[in-house]
Amino acid sequence: MVAVVDCPTCGKKVEWTEANKYRPFCSKRCADVDLSRWLKGSYAIPAVELDDPDDAAPEDEDQDIRR
């Protein structure tokens, strides 16, 4: 049995076989459209900004100075 997936670009049903060299896309055009979206920054993986530990003064040092 051959797996059938949806083309990520247009939604067309695509057979997942070695004969389909553009899988998971249905065509070179859909693959190129997807690549273009990545290159333009249309797709982005969300990131969480972490505080830089070097920017904050450690609390222990502040307490030692007051003594």
Protein backbone atom coordinates (compact mmCIF):
# COMPACT_ATOMS: atom_id res chain seq x y z
CA MET A 1 0.00 0.00 0.00
CA VAL A 2 1.36 3.42 -0.98
CA ALA A 3 1.16 6.26 1.54
CA VAL A 4 -0.69 9.36 0.36
CA VAL A 5 0.14 12.77 1.88
CA ASP A 6 -1.04 16.32 1.28
CA CYS A 7 1.33 18.67 -0.53
CA PRO A 8 2.40 21.22 2.13
CA THR A 9 2.06 24.07 -0.37
CA CYS A 10 -1.17 23.46 -2.28
CA GLY A 11 -2.82 20.58 -0.39
CA LYS A 12 -3.01 18.27 -3.42
CA LYS A 13 -2.85 14.53 -2.62
CA VAL A 14 0.60 13.11 -3.36
CA GLU A 15 1.74 9.48 -3.41
CA TRP A 16 4.84 8.97 -1.24
CA THR A 17 6.94 6.91 -3.64
CA GLU A 18 10.51 7.02 -4.92
CA ALA A 19 9.10 7.92 -8.33
CA ASN A 20 7.96 11.28 -6.90
CA LYS A 21 11.28 13.11 -6.67
CA TYR A 22 9.61 16.22 -5.17
CA ARG A 23 7.95 14.45 -2.25
CA PRO A 24 6.35 15.64 -0.01
CA PHE A 25 5.50 18.26 -2.66
CA CYS A 26 3.41 17.53 -5.73
CA SER A 27 5.69 19.41 -8.13
CA LYS A 28 8.90 21.38 -8.51
CA ARG A 29 6.84 24.57 -8.45
CA CYS A 30 5.38 23.78 -5.01
CA ALA A 31 8.84 22.84 -3.71
CA ASP A 32 10.25 26.14 -5.03
CA VAL A 33 7.38 28.13 -3.49
CA ASP A 34 8.13 26.54 -0.11
CA LEU A 35 11.87 27.24 -0.44
CA SER A 36 11.13 30.85 -1.36
CA ARG A 37 8.97 31.25 1.75
CA TRP A 38 11.82 29.98 3.94
CA LEU A 39 14.36 32.28 2.28
CA LYS A 40 12.10 35.34 2.63
CA GLY A 41 11.54 34.60 6.31
CA SER A 42 7.83 33.86 5.93
CA TYR A 43 8.39 30.77 8.04
CA ALA A 44 10.07 31.25 11.37
CA ILE A 45 10.77 29.03 14.33
CA PRO A 46 9.80 30.92 17.49
CA ALA A 47 12.59 31.51 19.95
CA VAL A 48 12.59 32.52 23.58
CA GLU A 49 15.10 35.21 24.49
CA LEU A 50 17.03 34.23 27.60
CA ASP A 51 18.53 36.78 29.96
CA ASP A 52 22.29 37.06 29.71
CA PRO A 53 23.66 36.03 33.14
CA ASP A 54 26.61 38.41 32.71
CA ASP A 55 24.26 41.43 32.56
CA ALA A 56 22.76 40.92 36.01
CA ALA A 57 24.77 41.51 39.17
CA PRO A 58 24.66 38.50 41.49
CA GLU A 59 22.66 39.19 44.65
CA ASP A 60 25.33 37.65 46.90
CA GLU A 61 27.94 40.18 45.76
CA ASP A 62 25.62 43.08 46.57
CA GLN A 63 25.10 41.78 50.10
CA ASP A 64 28.82 41.26 50.69
CA ILE A 65 29.56 44.88 49.75
CA ARG A 66 27.11 46.26 52.33
CA ARG A 67 28.74 44.41 55.23
